[in-house]
Amino acid sequence: MNILRSFWNSPTGLKTTHFWGPAFNWSLPFAAAMDTKKPPETISVNMTGVMCVYSASFMRFAWVVRPRNLHLLACHVTNETMQLYQLSRWFRAQRALEQNPMDSDAE
């Protein structure tokens, strides 16, 4: 019970935006993980690039803000990883289309 009370009253506990912001922000890397099942041609390279810049920026913010928000940092590290994976899928698909132009003509 003491552990719950200390978490409840901590500067990053349940009563603060330091907890709830990252909690809701986890929907971004979860959505990117779900998108890995979709064809790479459907990836928006512009939006994925913006998400990479966004997560990189907020990784730094989560590290320098006081109190340090490791929950937010973990969320943005995960999102950055997922977005970079999505970009790599898109680039590989584009390279495959350039190497086999006949495959795209058959459709």
PDB file of N, CA and C in Angstrom:
ATOM      1  N   MET A   1       0.816  -1.187   0.000  1.00  0.00           N
ATOM      2  CA  MET A   1       0.000   0.000   0.000  1.00  0.00           C
ATOM      3  C   MET A   1       0.865   1.259   0.000  1.00  0.00           C
ATOM      4  N   ASN A   2       2.008   1.161   0.661  1.00  0.00           N
ATOM      5  CA  ASN A   2       2.929   2.282   0.720  1.00  0.00           C
ATOM      6  C   ASN A   2       3.483   2.621  -0.670  1.00  0.00           C
ATOM      7  N   ILE A   3       3.727   1.589  -1.491  1.00  0.00           N
ATOM      8  CA  ILE A   3       4.239   1.800  -2.842  1.00  0.00           C
ATOM      9  C   ILE A   3       3.206   2.550  -3.684  1.00  0.00           C
ATOM     10  N   LEU A   4       1.944   2.152  -3.578  1.00  0.00           N
ATOM     11  CA  LEU A   4       0.879   2.831  -4.317  1.00  0.00           C
ATOM     12  C   LEU A   4       0.731   4.283  -3.876  1.00  0.00           C
ATOM     13  N   ARG A   5       0.814   4.524  -2.596  1.00  0.00           N
ATOM     14  CA  ARG A   5       0.684   5.880  -2.074  1.00  0.00           C
ATOM     15  C   ARG A   5       1.850   6.757  -2.567  1.00  0.00           C
ATOM     16  N   SER A   6       3.050   6.210  -2.562  1.00  0.00           N
ATOM     17  CA  SER A   6       4.196   6.992  -3.017  1.00  0.00           C
ATOM     18  C   SER A   6       4.102   7.264  -4.518  1.00  0.00           C
ATOM     19  N   PHE A   7       3.609   6.309  -5.314  1.00  0.00           N
ATOM     20  CA  PHE A   7       3.425   6.542  -6.739  1.00  0.00           C
ATOM     21  C   PHE A   7       2.321   7.575  -6.978  1.00  0.00           C
ATOM     22  N   TRP A   8       1.247   7.491  -6.224  1.00  0.00           N
ATOM     23  CA  TRP A   8       0.143   8.436  -6.348  1.00  0.00           C
ATOM     24  C   TRP A   8       0.609   9.874  -6.086  1.00  0.00           C
ATOM     25  N   ASN A   9       1.474  10.048  -5.110  1.00  0.00           N
ATOM     26  CA  ASN A   9       1.930  11.383  -4.715  1.00  0.00           C
ATOM     27  C   ASN A   9       3.244  11.814  -5.369  1.00  0.00           C
ATOM     28  N   SER A  10       3.825  10.986  -6.226  1.00  0.00           N
ATOM     29  CA  SER A  10       5.106  11.345  -6.849  1.00  0.00           C
ATOM     30  C   SER A  10       4.900  12.429  -7.909  1.00  0.00           C
ATOM     31  N   PRO A  11       5.971  13.147  -8.273  1.00  0.00           N
ATOM     32  CA  PRO A  11       5.860  14.212  -9.282  1.00  0.00           C
ATOM     33  C   PRO A  11       5.517  13.695 -10.677  1.00  0.00           C
ATOM     34  N   THR A  12       5.630  12.389 -10.902  1.00  0.00           N
ATOM     35  CA  THR A  12       5.245  11.801 -12.192  1.00  0.00           C
ATOM     36  C   THR A  12       4.149  10.757 -12.008  1.00  0.00           C
ATOM     37  N   GLY A  13       3.388  10.881 -10.940  1.00  0.00           N
ATOM     38  CA  GLY A  13       2.364   9.888 -10.614  1.00  0.00           C
ATOM     39  C   GLY A  13       1.052  10.094 -11.346  1.00  0.00           C
ATOM     40  N   LEU A  14       0.061   9.344 -10.920  1.00  0.00           N
ATOM     41  CA  LEU A  14      -1.242   9.314 -11.587  1.00  0.00           C
ATOM     42  C   LEU A  14      -1.987  10.647 -11.575  1.00  0.00           C
ATOM     43  N   LYS A  15      -1.626  11.542 -10.692  1.00  0.00           N
ATOM     44  CA  LYS A  15      -2.318  12.825 -10.602  1.00  0.00           C
ATOM     45  C   LYS A  15      -1.730  13.890 -11.522  1.00  0.00           C
ATOM     46  N   THR A  16      -0.769  13.534 -12.350  1.00  0.00           N
ATOM     47  CA  THR A  16      -0.053  14.541 -13.141  1.00  0.00           C
ATOM     48  C   THR A  16      -0.139  14.268 -14.638  1.00  0.00           C
ATOM     49  N   THR A  17       0.126  15.297 -15.413  1.00  0.00           N
ATOM     50  CA  THR A  17       0.210  15.119 -16.867  1.00  0.00           C
ATOM     51  C   THR A  17       1.494  14.393 -17.258  1.00  0.00           C
ATOM     52  N   HIS A  18       2.461  14.324 -16.342  1.00  0.00           N
ATOM     53  CA  HIS A  18       3.686  13.565 -16.608  1.00  0.00           C
ATOM     54  C   HIS A  18       3.385  12.081 -16.740  1.00  0.00           C
ATOM     55  N   PHE A  19       2.258  11.644 -16.222  1.00  0.00           N
ATOM     56  CA  PHE A  19       1.842  10.256 -16.379  1.00  0.00           C
ATOM     57  C   PHE A  19       0.852  10.107 -17.526  1.00  0.00           C
ATOM     58  N   TRP A  20      -0.182  10.928 -17.547  1.00  0.00           N
ATOM     59  CA  TRP A  20      -1.274  10.758 -18.503  1.00  0.00           C
ATOM     60  C   TRP A  20      -0.886  11.144 -19.927  1.00  0.00           C
ATOM     61  N   GLY A  21      -0.004  12.115 -20.096  1.00  0.00           N
ATOM     62  CA  GLY A  21       0.465  12.467 -21.439  1.00  0.00           C
ATOM     63  C   GLY A  21       1.109  11.283 -22.145  1.00  0.00           C
ATOM     64  N   PRO A  22       2.117  10.673 -21.528  1.00  0.00           N
ATOM     65  CA  PRO A  22       2.731   9.508 -22.157  1.00  0.00           C
ATOM     66  C   PRO A  22       1.776   8.317 -22.274  1.00  0.00           C
ATOM     67  N   ALA A  23       0.873   8.168 -21.301  1.00  0.00           N
ATOM     68  CA  ALA A  23      -0.058   7.036 -21.347  1.00  0.00           C
ATOM     69  C   ALA A  23      -0.893   7.094 -22.632  1.00  0.00           C
ATOM     70  N   PHE A  24      -1.406   8.259 -22.964  1.00  0.00           N
ATOM     71  CA  PHE A  24      -2.192   8.400 -24.190  1.00  0.00           C
ATOM     72  C   PHE A  24      -1.309   8.459 -25.432  1.00  0.00           C
ATOM     73  N   ASN A  25      -0.080   8.918 -25.267  1.00  0.00           N
ATOM     74  CA  ASN A  25       0.850   9.013 -26.387  1.00  0.00           C
ATOM     75  C   ASN A  25       1.285   7.642 -26.897  1.00  0.00           C
ATOM     76  N   TRP A  26       1.124   6.597 -26.083  1.00  0.00           N
ATOM     77  CA  TRP A  26       1.492   5.248 -26.506  1.00  0.00           C
ATOM     78  C   TRP A  26       0.659   4.780 -27.699  1.00  0.00           C
ATOM     79  N   SER A  27      -0.441   5.471 -28.003  1.00  0.00           N
ATOM     80  CA  SER A  27      -1.238   5.071 -29.167  1.00  0.00           C
ATOM     81  C   SER A  27      -0.446   5.249 -30.469  1.00  0.00           C
ATOM     82  N   LEU A  28       0.510   6.163 -30.502  1.00  0.00           N
ATOM     83  CA  LEU A  28       1.299   6.380 -31.729  1.00  0.00           C
ATOM     84  C   LEU A  28       2.186   5.186 -32.072  1.00  0.00           C
ATOM     85  N   PRO A  29       3.027   4.690 -31.148  1.00  0.00           N
ATOM     86  CA  PRO A  29       3.827   3.516 -31.528  1.00  0.00           C
ATOM     87  C   PRO A  29       2.974   2.261 -31.710  1.00  0.00           C
ATOM     88  N   PHE A  30       1.855   2.156 -30.998  1.00  0.00           N
ATOM     89  CA  PHE A  30       0.979   1.000 -31.209  1.00  0.00           C
ATOM     90  C   PHE A  30       0.367   1.036 -32.606  1.00  0.00           C
ATOM     91  N   ALA A  31      -0.030   2.213 -33.066  1.00  0.00           N
ATOM     92  CA  ALA A  31      -0.581   2.340 -34.416  1.00  0.00           C
ATOM     93  C   ALA A  31       0.489   2.010 -35.457  1.00  0.00           C
ATOM     94  N   ALA A  32       1.709   2.469 -35.232  1.00  0.00           N
ATOM     95  CA  ALA A  32       2.800   2.159 -36.170  1.00  0.00           C
ATOM     96  C   ALA A  32       3.081   0.664 -36.186  1.00  0.00           C
ATOM     97  N   ALA A  33       2.999   0.019 -35.036  1.00  0.00           N
ATOM     98  CA  ALA A  33       3.206  -1.432 -34.984  1.00  0.00           C
ATOM     99  C   ALA A  33       2.111  -2.169 -35.752  1.00  0.00           C
ATOM    100  N   MET A  34       0.880  -1.692 -35.641  1.00  0.00           N
ATOM    101  CA  MET A  34      -0.217  -2.315 -36.382  1.00  0.00           C
ATOM    102  C   MET A  34      -0.048  -2.103 -37.888  1.00  0.00           C
ATOM    103  N   ASP A  35       0.532  -0.971 -38.276  1.00  0.00           N
ATOM    104  CA  ASP A  35       0.732  -0.672 -39.696  1.00  0.00           C
ATOM    105  C   ASP A  35       1.818  -1.523 -40.343  1.00  0.00           C
ATOM    106  N   THR A  36       2.611  -2.226 -39.559  1.00  0.00           N
ATOM    107  CA  THR A  36       3.644  -3.081 -40.155  1.00  0.00           C
ATOM    108  C   THR A  36       3.033  -4.240 -40.924  1.00  0.00           C
ATOM    109  N   LYS A  37       1.769  -4.536 -40.704  1.00  0.00           N
ATOM    110  CA  LYS A  37       1.081  -5.609 -41.425  1.00  0.00           C
ATOM    111  C   LYS A  37       0.559  -5.133 -42.785  1.00  0.00           C
ATOM    112  N   LYS A  38       0.511  -3.829 -42.997  1.00  0.00           N
ATOM    113  CA  LYS A  38      -0.006  -3.276 -44.245  1.00  0.00           C
ATOM    114  C   LYS A  38       1.085  -3.249 -45.307  1.00  0.00           C
ATOM    115  N   PRO A  39       0.702  -3.192 -46.580  1.00  0.00           N
ATOM    116  CA  PRO A  39       1.718  -3.124 -47.641  1.00  0.00           C
ATOM    117  C   PRO A  39       2.534  -1.833 -47.541  1.00  0.00           C
ATOM    118  N   PRO A  40       3.823  -1.893 -47.851  1.00  0.00           N
ATOM    119  CA  PRO A  40       4.673  -0.707 -47.724  1.00  0.00           C
ATOM    120  C   PRO A  40       4.288   0.418 -48.683  1.00  0.00           C
ATOM    121  N   GLU A  41       3.560   0.110 -49.731  1.00  0.00           N
ATOM    122  CA  GLU A  41       3.145   1.146 -50.678  1.00  0.00           C
ATOM    123  C   GLU A  41       2.153   2.117 -50.051  1.00  0.00           C
ATOM    124  N   THR A  42       1.500   1.720 -48.974  1.00  0.00           N
ATOM    125  CA  THR A  42       0.508   2.583 -48.332  1.00  0.00           C
ATOM    126  C   THR A  42       1.124   3.527 -47.305  1.00  0.00           C
ATOM    127  N   ILE A  43       2.424   3.423 -47.070  1.00  0.00           N
ATOM    128  CA  ILE A  43       3.098   4.273 -46.083  1.00  0.00           C
ATOM    129  C   ILE A  43       3.238   5.686 -46.631  1.00  0.00           C
ATOM    130  N   SER A  44       2.837   6.664 -45.851  1.00  0.00           N
ATOM    131  CA  SER A  44       3.048   8.065 -46.210  1.00  0.00           C
ATOM    132  C   SER A  44       4.443   8.454 -45.723  1.00  0.00           C
ATOM    133  N   VAL A  45       5.357   8.623 -46.664  1.00  0.00           N
ATOM    134  CA  VAL A  45       6.731   8.930 -46.288  1.00  0.00           C
ATOM    135  C   VAL A  45       6.817  10.310 -45.635  1.00  0.00           C
ATOM    136  N   ASN A  46       5.971  11.256 -46.057  1.00  0.00           N
ATOM    137  CA  ASN A  46       5.982  12.586 -45.439  1.00  0.00           C
ATOM    138  C   ASN A  46       5.546  12.512 -43.981  1.00  0.00           C
ATOM    139  N   MET A  47       4.449  11.831 -43.718  1.00  0.00           N
ATOM    140  CA  MET A  47       3.946  11.743 -42.342  1.00  0.00           C
ATOM    141  C   MET A  47       4.899  10.942 -41.456  1.00  0.00           C
ATOM    142  N   THR A  48       5.465   9.890 -41.994  1.00  0.00           N
ATOM    143  CA  THR A  48       6.402   9.081 -41.219  1.00  0.00           C
ATOM    144  C   THR A  48       7.652   9.893 -40.886  1.00  0.00           C
ATOM    145  N   GLY A  49       8.118  10.684 -41.821  1.00  0.00           N
ATOM    146  CA  GLY A  49       9.266  11.558 -41.552  1.00  0.00           C
ATOM    147  C   GLY A  49       8.954  12.585 -40.482  1.00  0.00           C
ATOM    148  N   VAL A  50       7.764  13.167 -40.544  1.00  0.00           N
ATOM    149  CA  VAL A  50       7.348  14.130 -39.518  1.00  0.00           C
ATOM    150  C   VAL A  50       7.286  13.453 -38.155  1.00  0.00           C
ATOM    151  N   MET A  51       6.778  12.235 -38.108  1.00  0.00           N
ATOM    152  CA  MET A  51       6.703  11.512 -36.832  1.00  0.00           C
ATOM    153  C   MET A  51       8.098  11.217 -36.285  1.00  0.00           C
ATOM    154  N   CYS A  52       9.070  10.975 -37.159  1.00  0.00           N
ATOM    155  CA  CYS A  52      10.449  10.757 -36.709  1.00  0.00           C
ATOM    156  C   CYS A  52      11.014  12.026 -36.065  1.00  0.00           C
ATOM    157  N   VAL A  53      10.804  13.158 -36.720  1.00  0.00           N
ATOM    158  CA  VAL A  53      11.295  14.434 -36.165  1.00  0.00           C
ATOM    159  C   VAL A  53      10.589  14.737 -34.850  1.00  0.00           C
ATOM    160  N   TYR A  54       9.278  14.525 -34.810  1.00  0.00           N
ATOM    161  CA  TYR A  54       8.487  14.765 -33.598  1.00  0.00           C
ATOM    162  C   TYR A  54       8.997  13.929 -32.427  1.00  0.00           C
ATOM    163  N   SER A  55       9.178  12.636 -32.651  1.00  0.00           N
ATOM    164  CA  SER A  55       9.622  11.772 -31.553  1.00  0.00           C
ATOM    165  C   SER A  55      11.044  12.092 -31.121  1.00  0.00           C
ATOM    166  N   ALA A  56      11.911  12.419 -32.069  1.00  0.00           N
ATOM    167  CA  ALA A  56      13.288  12.780 -31.709  1.00  0.00           C
ATOM    168  C   ALA A  56      13.297  14.051 -30.858  1.00  0.00           C
ATOM    169  N   SER A  57      12.459  15.011 -31.232  1.00  0.00           N
ATOM    170  CA  SER A  57      12.386  16.253 -30.460  1.00  0.00           C
ATOM    171  C   SER A  57      11.886  16.002 -29.042  1.00  0.00           C
ATOM    172  N   PHE A  58      10.847  15.204 -28.937  1.00  0.00           N
ATOM    173  CA  PHE A  58      10.270  14.982 -27.623  1.00  0.00           C
ATOM    174  C   PHE A  58      11.053  13.979 -26.782  1.00  0.00           C
ATOM    175  N   MET A  59      11.929  13.186 -27.402  1.00  0.00           N
ATOM    176  CA  MET A  59      12.840  12.372 -26.598  1.00  0.00           C
ATOM    177  C   MET A  59      13.751  13.297 -25.795  1.00  0.00           C
ATOM    178  N   ARG A  60      14.244  14.330 -26.465  1.00  0.00           N
ATOM    179  CA  ARG A  60      15.104  15.280 -25.766  1.00  0.00           C
ATOM    180  C   ARG A  60      14.321  16.013 -24.681  1.00  0.00           C
ATOM    181  N   PHE A  61      13.112  16.451 -25.003  1.00  0.00           N
ATOM    182  CA  PHE A  61      12.277  17.139 -24.018  1.00  0.00           C
ATOM    183  C   PHE A  61      12.056  16.263 -22.787  1.00  0.00           C
ATOM    184  N   ALA A  62      11.718  14.997 -23.010  1.00  0.00           N
ATOM    185  CA  ALA A  62      11.451  14.093 -21.892  1.00  0.00           C
ATOM    186  C   ALA A  62      12.686  13.914 -21.014  1.00  0.00           C
ATOM    187  N   TRP A  63      13.870  14.047 -21.610  1.00  0.00           N
ATOM    188  CA  TRP A  63      15.100  13.876 -20.841  1.00  0.00           C
ATOM    189  C   TRP A  63      15.447  15.119 -20.032  1.00  0.00           C
ATOM    190  N   VAL A  64      15.206  16.317 -20.589  1.00  0.00           N
ATOM    191  CA  VAL A  64      15.638  17.539 -19.906  1.00  0.00           C
ATOM    192  C   VAL A  64      14.580  18.142 -18.994  1.00  0.00           C
ATOM    193  N   VAL A  65      13.320  17.772 -19.160  1.00  0.00           N
ATOM    194  CA  VAL A  65      12.271  18.338 -18.308  1.00  0.00           C
ATOM    195  C   VAL A  65      12.474  17.864 -16.864  1.00  0.00           C
ATOM    196  N   ARG A  66      12.103  18.694 -15.922  1.00  0.00           N
ATOM    197  CA  ARG A  66      12.183  18.319 -14.504  1.00  0.00           C
ATOM    198  C   ARG A  66      10.790  18.239 -13.935  1.00  0.00           C
ATOM    199  N   PRO A  67      10.395  17.184 -13.316  1.00  0.00           N
ATOM    200  CA  PRO A  67      11.143  15.946 -13.112  1.00  0.00           C
ATOM    201  C   PRO A  67      11.298  15.187 -14.432  1.00  0.00           C
ATOM    202  N   ARG A  68      12.425  14.502 -14.581  1.00  0.00           N
ATOM    203  CA  ARG A  68      12.721  13.752 -15.800  1.00  0.00           C
ATOM    204  C   ARG A  68      11.608  12.736 -16.037  1.00  0.00           C
ATOM    205  N   ASN A  69      11.090  12.695 -17.260  1.00  0.00           N
ATOM    206  CA  ASN A  69       9.945  11.842 -17.570  1.00  0.00           C
ATOM    207  C   ASN A  69      10.398  10.626 -18.387  1.00  0.00           C
ATOM    208  N   LEU A  70      10.773   9.579 -17.689  1.00  0.00           N
ATOM    209  CA  LEU A  70      11.251   8.366 -18.356  1.00  0.00           C
ATOM    210  C   LEU A  70      10.128   7.620 -19.069  1.00  0.00           C
ATOM    211  N   HIS A  71       8.901   7.761 -18.581  1.00  0.00           N
ATOM    212  CA  HIS A  71       7.739   7.155 -19.240  1.00  0.00           C
ATOM    213  C   HIS A  71       7.570   7.764 -20.637  1.00  0.00           C
ATOM    214  N   LEU A  72       7.648   9.069 -20.744  1.00  0.00           N
ATOM    215  CA  LEU A  72       7.545   9.744 -22.037  1.00  0.00           C
ATOM    216  C   LEU A  72       8.740   9.411 -22.918  1.00  0.00           C
ATOM    217  N   LEU A  73       9.920   9.337 -22.330  1.00  0.00           N
ATOM    218  CA  LEU A  73      11.119   8.984 -23.085  1.00  0.00           C
ATOM    219  C   LEU A  73      10.980   7.592 -23.698  1.00  0.00           C
ATOM    220  N   ALA A  74      10.530   6.636 -22.924  1.00  0.00           N
ATOM    221  CA  ALA A  74      10.353   5.272 -23.443  1.00  0.00           C
ATOM    222  C   ALA A  74       9.336   5.242 -24.573  1.00  0.00           C
ATOM    223  N   CYS A  75       8.273   6.013 -24.427  1.00  0.00           N
ATOM    224  CA  CYS A  75       7.247   6.077 -25.462  1.00  0.00           C
ATOM    225  C   CYS A  75       7.829   6.622 -26.768  1.00  0.00           C
ATOM    226  N   HIS A  76       8.599   7.690 -26.704  1.00  0.00           N
ATOM    227  CA  HIS A  76       9.138   8.290 -27.920  1.00  0.00           C
ATOM    228  C   HIS A  76      10.283   7.478 -28.512  1.00  0.00           C
ATOM    229  N   VAL A  77      11.061   6.800 -27.689  1.00  0.00           N
ATOM    230  CA  VAL A  77      12.083   5.899 -28.228  1.00  0.00           C
ATOM    231  C   VAL A  77      11.403   4.780 -29.016  1.00  0.00           C
ATOM    232  N   THR A  78      10.332   4.236 -28.462  1.00  0.00           N
ATOM    233  CA  THR A  78       9.591   3.176 -29.156  1.00  0.00           C
ATOM    234  C   THR A  78       8.984   3.711 -30.450  1.00  0.00           C
ATOM    235  N   ASN A  79       8.386   4.896 -30.394  1.00  0.00           N
ATOM    236  CA  ASN A  79       7.779   5.464 -31.599  1.00  0.00           C
ATOM    237  C   ASN A  79       8.840   5.756 -32.653  1.00  0.00           C
ATOM    238  N   GLU A  80       9.977   6.297 -32.253  1.00  0.00           N
ATOM    239  CA  GLU A  80      11.059   6.575 -33.208  1.00  0.00           C
ATOM    240  C   GLU A  80      11.510   5.289 -33.887  1.00  0.00           C
ATOM    241  N   THR A  81      11.658   4.243 -33.112  1.00  0.00           N
ATOM    242  CA  THR A  81      12.067   2.948 -33.657  1.00  0.00           C
ATOM    243  C   THR A  81      11.047   2.438 -34.670  1.00  0.00           C
ATOM    244  N   MET A  82       9.777   2.510 -34.318  1.00  0.00           N
ATOM    245  CA  MET A  82       8.720   2.022 -35.216  1.00  0.00           C
ATOM    246  C   MET A  82       8.654   2.870 -36.490  1.00  0.00           C
ATOM    247  N   GLN A  83       8.782   4.173 -36.376  1.00  0.00           N
ATOM    248  CA  GLN A  83       8.706   5.038 -37.556  1.00  0.00           C
ATOM    249  C   GLN A  83       9.917   4.828 -38.471  1.00  0.00           C
ATOM    250  N   LEU A  84      11.094   4.647 -37.893  1.00  0.00           N
ATOM    251  CA  LEU A  84      12.272   4.366 -38.716  1.00  0.00           C
ATOM    252  C   LEU A  84      12.142   3.020 -39.418  1.00  0.00           C
ATOM    253  N   TYR A  85      11.533   2.057 -38.752  1.00  0.00           N
ATOM    254  CA  TYR A  85      11.273   0.762 -39.396  1.00  0.00           C
ATOM    255  C   TYR A  85      10.310   0.937 -40.570  1.00  0.00           C
ATOM    256  N   GLN A  86       9.269   1.745 -40.378  1.00  0.00           N
ATOM    257  CA  GLN A  86       8.314   1.993 -41.455  1.00  0.00           C
ATOM    258  C   GLN A  86       9.009   2.683 -42.640  1.00  0.00           C
ATOM    259  N   LEU A  87       9.871   3.649 -42.355  1.00  0.00           N
ATOM    260  CA  LEU A  87      10.617   4.307 -43.432  1.00  0.00           C
ATOM    261  C   LEU A  87      11.508   3.318 -44.180  1.00  0.00           C
ATOM    262  N   SER A  88      12.141   2.421 -43.441  1.00  0.00           N
ATOM    263  CA  SER A  88      12.994   1.427 -44.098  1.00  0.00           C
ATOM    264  C   SER A  88      12.162   0.507 -44.985  1.00  0.00           C
ATOM    265  N   ARG A  89      10.949   0.146 -44.545  1.00  0.00           N
ATOM    266  CA  ARG A  89      10.067  -0.669 -45.384  1.00  0.00           C
ATOM    267  C   ARG A  89       9.707   0.073 -46.668  1.00  0.00           C
ATOM    268  N   TRP A  90       9.411   1.363 -46.557  1.00  0.00           N
ATOM    269  CA  TRP A  90       9.044   2.156 -47.728  1.00  0.00           C
ATOM    270  C   TRP A  90      10.214   2.250 -48.706  1.00  0.00           C
ATOM    271  N   PHE A  91      11.433   2.527 -48.175  1.00  0.00           N
ATOM    272  CA  PHE A  91      12.603   2.640 -49.043  1.00  0.00           C
ATOM    273  C   PHE A  91      12.918   1.316 -49.728  1.00  0.00           C
ATOM    274  N   ARG A  92      12.795   0.205 -49.010  1.00  0.00           N
ATOM    275  CA  ARG A  92      13.030  -1.102 -49.629  1.00  0.00           C
ATOM    276  C   ARG A  92      12.019  -1.387 -50.733  1.00  0.00           C
ATOM    277  N   ALA A  93      10.762  -1.009 -50.509  1.00  0.00           N
ATOM    278  CA  ALA A  93       9.726  -1.221 -51.531  1.00  0.00           C
ATOM    279  C   ALA A  93      10.006  -0.363 -52.761  1.00  0.00           C
ATOM    280  N   GLN A  94      10.436   0.891 -52.547  1.00  0.00           N
ATOM    281  CA  GLN A  94      10.757   1.762 -53.677  1.00  0.00           C
ATOM    282  C   GLN A  94      11.938   1.219 -54.470  1.00  0.00           C
ATOM    283  N   ARG A  95      12.947   0.718 -53.779  1.00  0.00           N
ATOM    284  CA  ARG A  95      14.113   0.145 -54.448  1.00  0.00           C
ATOM    285  C   ARG A  95      13.725  -1.093 -55.245  1.00  0.00           C
ATOM    286  N   ALA A  96      12.839  -1.905 -54.681  1.00  0.00           N
ATOM    287  CA  ALA A  96      12.383  -3.103 -55.392  1.00  0.00           C
ATOM    288  C   ALA A  96      11.610  -2.725 -56.653  1.00  0.00           C
ATOM    289  N   LEU A  97      10.809  -1.660 -56.583  1.00  0.00           N
ATOM    290  CA  LEU A  97      10.074  -1.207 -57.770  1.00  0.00           C
ATOM    291  C   LEU A  97      11.021  -0.680 -58.844  1.00  0.00           C
ATOM    292  N   GLU A  98      12.092   0.005 -58.435  1.00  0.00           N
ATOM    293  CA  GLU A  98      13.061   0.518 -59.400  1.00  0.00           C
ATOM    294  C   GLU A  98      13.840  -0.611 -60.070  1.00  0.00           C
ATOM    295  N   GLN A  99      14.120  -1.663 -59.325  1.00  0.00           N
ATOM    296  CA  GLN A  99      14.895  -2.778 -59.876  1.00  0.00           C
ATOM    297  C   GLN A  99      14.053  -3.678 -60.772  1.00  0.00           C
ATOM    298  N   ASN A 100      12.746  -3.742 -60.498  1.00  0.00           N
ATOM    299  CA  ASN A 100      11.851  -4.597 -61.290  1.00  0.00           C
ATOM    300  C   ASN A 100      10.701  -3.766 -61.860  1.00  0.00           C
ATOM    301  N   PRO A 101      10.945  -2.923 -62.814  1.00  0.00           N
ATOM    302  CA  PRO A 101       9.870  -2.074 -63.334  1.00  0.00           C
ATOM    303  C   PRO A 101       8.779  -2.885 -64.049  1.00  0.00           C
ATOM    304  N   MET A 102       9.099  -4.057 -64.513  1.00  0.00           N
ATOM    305  CA  MET A 102       8.103  -4.882 -65.190  1.00  0.00           C
ATOM    306  C   MET A 102       7.017  -5.369 -64.245  1.00  0.00           C
ATOM    307  N   ASP A 103       7.369  -5.555 -62.961  1.00  0.00           N
ATOM    308  CA  ASP A 103       6.386  -6.017 -61.976  1.00  0.00           C
ATOM    309  C   ASP A 103       5.281  -4.976 -61.784  1.00  0.00           C
ATOM    310  N   SER A 104       5.632  -3.692 -61.788  1.00  0.00           N
ATOM    311  CA  SER A 104       4.619  -2.662 -61.595  1.00  0.00           C
ATOM    312  C   SER A 104       3.767  -2.474 -62.848  1.00  0.00           C
ATOM    313  N   ASP A 105       4.300  -2.800 -64.051  1.00  0.00           N
ATOM    314  CA  ASP A 105       3.523  -2.688 -65.287  1.00  0.00           C
ATOM    315  C   ASP A 105       2.481  -3.791 -65.412  1.00  0.00           C
ATOM    316  N   ALA A 106       2.718  -4.908 -64.760  1.00  0.00           N
ATOM    317  CA  ALA A 106       1.799  -6.050 -64.876  1.00  0.00           C
ATOM    318  C   ALA A 106       0.504  -5.823 -64.123  1.00  0.00           C
ATOM    319  N   GLU A 107       0.482  -4.863 -63.212  1.00  0.00           N
ATOM    320  CA  GLU A 107      -0.729  -4.650 -62.403  1.00  0.00           C
ATOM    321  C   GLU A 107      -1.788  -3.894 -63.091  1.00  0.00           C
TER     322      GLU A 107
END
